[in-house]
Amino acid sequence: MDWPEWSERMILHPHYLGVALTAALLLASSAVPGWAANDSAAAGRTDQAGLYVTAIRGVQDIRTNPGTTPGLTYAHPVQAYFSGNAFLAVGTYKGVGVDSCTPASGKWSSYTDGETPGGVYFCLTDLTNQFGVGATPTMKVAQAICSGANSGWATYINGNQQRCRPGYNSTGIGGGVGLEVASSGSISGSYNIDVKHSGLELYSTYLSTWYDLNANHLNVNAPYQLTRPSTRRVNSYLGTLD
C-alpha cells in the first residue's frame, strides 16, 4: 500500500489536521469545506501489515515557535496508519482549529485526530499552550483497552494517555511523522515550524519487539526539506534547521 501523501489526504478528507488537523489533514469534519492547500515535509512506512503493528513511538523536538497566521494551521503529527485509509495521530499544533480542535496560539498545543475505520474524521485538543522552543515531549499511539472494556487505540504524551478511541481494533500497517502547513485557501510565503523526531520505533506483535521506523516513503513540498539522519530519526525544516 502506498504512503498516503498528506496533500492527498487533505484533498480527500478536508477535515484533517495533519498526517492529519485542520478540518478541514492535517488535518475532517463534514461541516468544514475542503482545504485546498497543504505543504508538508513528512516521512513514514506503510508496508508493515504482515508485522502486525500495534504502536508507534518517538520524541518530538520542537525547534521554533512562530506567530500564527490567519487562515493557517501548523502541525507536527506522529501517526499510526491502518488499512482502508484510517489513521490515528497525536501531535502539536498552532493556528486555526478544525472539527472539535480549538484555535491555538502562544505556545504549541497538542491534539489527537484521526479517521475512523468507518471514514469519520475527528480532531480533539488535548493540552493547551504547553510546548515552547526546545520542548521534547515523548509521543506514542498504541493499541489499548478503552472504557467499557472496548478494544481500541490510544494516544499518549510524556507517558500520559490523552485519548482512547474504540473501533480501531485491528493492527496497523505502519506510521509516520513530519511537519505540515494547511489552509482552506492558499499558502503564500513560508513558515518556520522546524521539528525533529527521534527514537522512532514501531512495535510488532509478530516480532514481539520494538524496531526502527526506518522511514522509506517521503512527501516533501518546497520550500520545506527533510532528512533522515538514521533509521530512528526524521528532521523536517525550512532552510537551515534551527
Protein backbone atom coordinates (compact mmCIF):
# COMPACT_ATOMS: atom_id res chain seq x y z
CA MET A 1 0.00 0.00 0.00
CA ASP A 2 1.41 3.39 -0.94
CA TRP A 3 2.23 6.02 1.64
CA PRO A 4 -0.91 8.24 1.95
CA GLU A 5 0.58 11.57 0.98
CA TRP A 6 -0.51 14.38 3.24
CA SER A 7 -1.54 16.61 0.36
CA GLU A 8 -3.74 13.78 -0.93
CA ARG A 9 -5.28 13.29 2.50
CA MET A 10 -6.12 16.97 2.67
CA ILE A 11 -7.98 16.79 -0.60
CA LEU A 12 -9.82 13.58 0.15
CA HIS A 13 -10.50 14.42 3.78
CA PRO A 14 -10.98 18.18 4.08
CA HIS A 15 -11.16 17.97 7.82
CA TYR A 16 -7.71 16.58 8.69
CA LEU A 17 -5.10 18.17 10.76
CA GLY A 18 -2.22 16.85 9.55
CA VAL A 19 -0.74 13.46 8.89
CA ALA A 20 -3.67 14.89 9.70
CA LEU A 21 -5.74 18.79 11.93
CA THR A 22 -7.24 21.50 10.32
CA ALA A 23 -10.71 20.36 9.10
CA ALA A 24 -10.86 20.95 7.23
CA LEU A 25 -5.25 16.55 7.46
CA LEU A 26 -3.87 17.56 8.92
CA LEU A 27 -5.58 17.78 9.32
CA ALA A 28 -12.01 16.44 8.98
CA SER A 29 -15.39 17.41 9.71
CA SER A 30 -18.11 17.04 7.22
CA ALA A 31 -19.26 20.55 8.09
CA VAL A 32 -15.96 22.11 7.07
CA PRO A 33 -15.18 22.74 3.41
CA GLY A 34 -12.13 21.04 1.92
CA TRP A 35 -8.78 22.70 2.43
CA ALA A 36 -7.10 23.20 -0.89
CA ALA A 37 -3.53 24.00 0.12
CA ASN A 38 -1.11 21.82 2.04
CA ASP A 39 2.68 21.99 2.37
CA SER A 40 4.49 19.24 4.25
CA ALA A 41 7.75 17.50 4.98
CA ALA A 42 6.74 14.02 6.12
CA ALA A 43 8.23 10.54 6.20
CA GLY A 44 6.97 7.13 7.22
CA ARG A 45 6.29 3.48 6.46
CA THR A 46 3.02 1.84 5.50
CA ASP A 47 4.24 -1.53 4.27
CA GLN A 48 4.31 -3.32 7.62
CA ALA A 49 0.92 -5.08 7.56
CA GLY A 50 2.45 -8.54 7.90
CA LEU A 51 4.27 -7.48 11.07
CA TYR A 52 1.01 -6.61 12.85
CA VAL A 53 1.96 -3.15 14.10
CA THR A 54 0.41 -2.22 17.46
CA ALA A 55 2.24 1.02 18.30
CA ILE A 56 4.45 3.86 17.10
CA ARG A 57 6.52 5.99 19.46
CA GLY A 58 9.16 8.71 19.40
CA VAL A 59 10.37 12.03 20.78
CA GLN A 60 9.29 15.32 19.20
CA ASP A 61 11.88 18.11 19.46
CA ILE A 62 10.18 21.46 18.77
CA ARG A 63 12.67 23.91 17.27
CA THR A 64 10.61 27.07 16.60
CA ASN A 65 7.53 28.93 17.80
CA PRO A 66 6.30 31.30 15.06
CA GLY A 67 3.30 33.55 15.45
CA THR A 68 0.05 32.33 13.96
CA THR A 69 -1.18 33.45 10.54
CA PRO A 70 -4.91 33.96 9.80
CA GLY A 71 -6.38 31.01 7.92
CA LEU A 72 -3.44 28.64 8.51
CA THR A 73 -2.78 25.66 10.74
CA TYR A 74 0.71 24.39 11.60
CA ALA A 75 1.13 20.84 12.86
CA HIS A 76 3.73 18.28 13.93
CA PRO A 77 1.98 14.87 13.81
CA VAL A 78 3.00 11.39 14.90
CA GLN A 79 0.59 8.94 13.26
CA ALA A 80 -0.35 5.28 13.07
CA TYR A 81 -1.86 4.04 9.80
CA PHE A 82 -4.39 1.30 9.17
CA SER A 83 -5.74 -0.41 6.07
CA GLY A 84 -8.60 1.39 4.38
CA ASN A 85 -7.07 4.88 4.90
CA ALA A 86 -7.87 5.04 8.61
CA PHE A 87 -5.32 6.70 10.89
CA LEU A 88 -4.84 7.93 14.45
CA ALA A 89 -2.43 10.73 15.36
CA VAL A 90 -1.07 12.69 18.28
CA GLY A 91 0.94 15.86 17.85
CA THR A 92 1.34 19.58 18.39
CA TYR A 93 -0.38 22.40 16.51
CA LYS A 94 -0.92 26.14 16.26
CA GLY A 95 -3.42 28.26 14.35
CA VAL A 96 -6.90 27.57 13.05
CA GLY A 97 -8.74 24.68 14.69
CA VAL A 98 -10.73 22.03 12.92
CA ASP A 99 -13.65 19.86 13.94
CA SER A 100 -13.57 19.97 17.78
CA CYS A 101 -9.98 21.22 17.96
CA THR A 102 -9.91 24.82 19.18
CA PRO A 103 -7.84 27.67 17.67
CA ALA A 104 -4.38 27.68 19.27
CA SER A 105 -1.78 30.43 19.72
CA GLY A 106 1.00 31.19 22.19
CA LYS A 107 2.99 28.02 22.70
CA TRP A 108 2.19 24.85 20.78
CA SER A 109 -0.92 22.94 21.90
CA SER A 110 -1.36 19.19 21.48
CA TYR A 111 -4.11 17.26 19.74
CA THR A 112 -5.45 13.84 18.89
CA ASP A 113 -7.03 13.38 15.49
CA GLY A 114 -7.80 10.63 13.04
CA GLU A 115 -10.12 8.99 10.63
CA THR A 116 -12.06 6.02 11.96
CA PRO A 117 -12.32 2.74 10.06
CA GLY A 118 -15.82 3.95 9.15
CA GLY A 119 -14.42 7.03 7.42
CA VAL A 120 -15.36 9.65 10.05
CA TYR A 121 -12.79 12.35 10.82
CA PHE A 122 -12.35 13.84 14.31
CA CYS A 123 -9.97 16.28 15.98
CA LEU A 124 -9.66 16.99 19.72
CA THR A 125 -7.47 19.45 21.60
CA ASP A 126 -5.60 17.78 24.47
CA LEU A 127 -3.09 20.14 26.16
CA THR A 128 -3.35 23.89 25.54
CA ASN A 129 -0.41 26.30 25.23
CA GLN A 130 2.07 23.76 26.59
CA PHE A 131 5.14 23.34 24.39
CA GLY A 132 7.69 26.05 23.58
CA VAL A 133 11.00 26.07 21.74
CA GLY A 134 13.19 23.23 22.98
CA ALA A 135 10.31 21.14 24.34
CA THR A 136 10.84 17.41 23.80
CA PRO A 137 7.59 15.59 24.56
CA THR A 138 7.51 11.84 24.05
CA MET A 139 4.61 10.66 21.91
CA LYS A 140 3.01 7.30 21.32
CA VAL A 141 -0.01 5.87 19.51
CA ALA A 142 -0.81 2.31 20.58
CA GLN A 143 -3.40 -0.41 20.99
CA ALA A 144 -5.30 -0.08 24.28
CA ILE A 145 -8.43 -1.10 26.17
CA CYS A 146 -10.82 1.86 26.29
CA SER A 147 -13.71 2.43 28.71
CA GLY A 148 -16.24 -0.38 28.83
CA ALA A 149 -13.53 -2.93 28.06
CA ASN A 150 -13.68 -1.97 24.39
CA SER A 151 -10.56 -2.62 22.38
CA GLY A 152 -9.14 0.36 20.52
CA TRP A 153 -6.11 2.60 20.17
CA ALA A 154 -4.92 5.43 22.39
CA THR A 155 -2.64 8.48 22.17
CA TYR A 156 -0.02 9.36 24.78
CA ILE A 157 2.16 12.38 25.60
CA ASN A 158 5.00 12.01 28.11
CA GLY A 159 3.57 8.64 29.12
CA ASN A 160 0.12 10.04 29.95
CA GLN A 161 -2.87 8.79 27.99
CA GLN A 162 -4.64 11.62 26.17
CA ARG A 163 -7.46 9.84 24.33
CA CYS A 164 -8.67 6.29 23.82
CA ARG A 165 -10.68 5.57 20.71
CA PRO A 166 -12.64 2.29 20.43
CA GLY A 167 -13.20 0.88 16.99
CA TYR A 168 -9.55 0.78 15.99
CA ASN A 169 -9.48 -2.92 16.79
CA SER A 170 -7.15 -4.03 14.05
CA THR A 171 -3.38 -3.93 13.88
CA GLY A 172 -1.73 -1.12 11.96
CA ILE A 173 0.29 -1.12 8.77
CA GLY A 174 2.86 1.49 9.79
CA GLY A 175 3.29 5.11 10.84
CA GLY A 176 4.81 8.46 10.04
CA VAL A 177 5.91 11.86 11.31
CA GLY A 178 6.64 15.32 9.98
CA LEU A 179 5.51 18.93 9.75
CA GLU A 180 2.59 20.46 7.90
CA VAL A 181 1.07 23.82 6.96
CA ALA A 182 -2.54 23.75 5.76
CA SER A 183 -5.07 26.31 4.56
CA SER A 184 -8.61 26.41 3.17
CA GLY A 185 -7.38 28.96 0.66
CA SER A 186 -3.81 29.38 -0.49
CA ILE A 187 -0.45 29.38 1.28
CA SER A 188 1.71 32.36 0.44
CA GLY A 189 5.20 32.54 1.82
CA SER A 190 6.91 30.04 4.08
CA TYR A 191 6.59 29.33 7.79
CA ASN A 192 9.39 28.24 10.06
CA ILE A 193 7.96 25.30 12.01
CA ASP A 194 11.07 23.12 12.20
CA VAL A 195 10.78 19.87 14.13
CA LYS A 196 12.99 16.86 14.82
CA HIS A 197 11.63 13.40 15.56
CA SER A 198 13.94 10.85 17.16
CA GLY A 199 13.71 7.44 18.79
CA LEU A 200 11.12 6.47 16.17
CA GLU A 201 10.00 2.88 16.54
CA LEU A 202 7.12 0.60 15.64
CA TYR A 203 6.01 -2.34 17.77
CA SER A 204 5.34 -5.66 16.04
CA THR A 205 3.28 -8.37 17.68
CA TYR A 206 4.69 -10.75 15.06
CA LEU A 207 8.27 -10.00 16.12
CA SER A 208 7.33 -9.30 19.76
CA THR A 209 9.67 -6.33 19.83
CA TRP A 210 10.16 -2.64 19.01
CA TYR A 211 12.04 -1.99 15.78
CA ASP A 212 13.26 1.12 13.94
CA LEU A 213 10.71 3.05 11.89
CA ASN A 214 13.23 3.26 9.04
CA ALA A 215 11.04 5.65 7.01
CA ASN A 216 11.11 4.92 3.31
CA HIS A 217 8.19 6.98 1.95
CA LEU A 218 8.56 10.77 1.72
CA ASN A 219 6.21 13.63 0.95
CA VAL A 220 8.13 16.91 0.81
CA ASN A 221 6.88 20.18 -0.70
CA ALA A 222 9.10 23.18 -1.36
CA PRO A 223 10.22 25.24 0.48
CA TYR A 224 10.46 22.55 3.18
CA GLN A 225 13.20 19.97 3.48
CA LEU A 226 13.54 16.59 5.13
CA THR A 227 16.49 14.47 6.16
CA ARG A 228 16.76 11.04 7.78
CA PRO A 229 19.98 11.06 9.83
CA SER A 230 19.31 7.49 10.95
CA THR A 231 16.65 4.78 10.83
CA ARG A 232 15.14 6.26 14.02
CA ARG A 233 15.26 9.97 13.16
CA VAL A 234 13.47 12.38 10.80
CA ASN A 235 14.24 16.11 10.57
CA SER A 236 11.66 18.38 8.90
CA TYR A 237 12.57 22.02 8.39
CA LEU A 238 12.60 25.25 6.41
CA GLY A 239 16.05 26.18 5.11
CA THR A 240 18.71 25.66 7.78
CA LEU A 241 17.48 23.53 10.68
CA ASP A 242 17.16 25.68 13.80
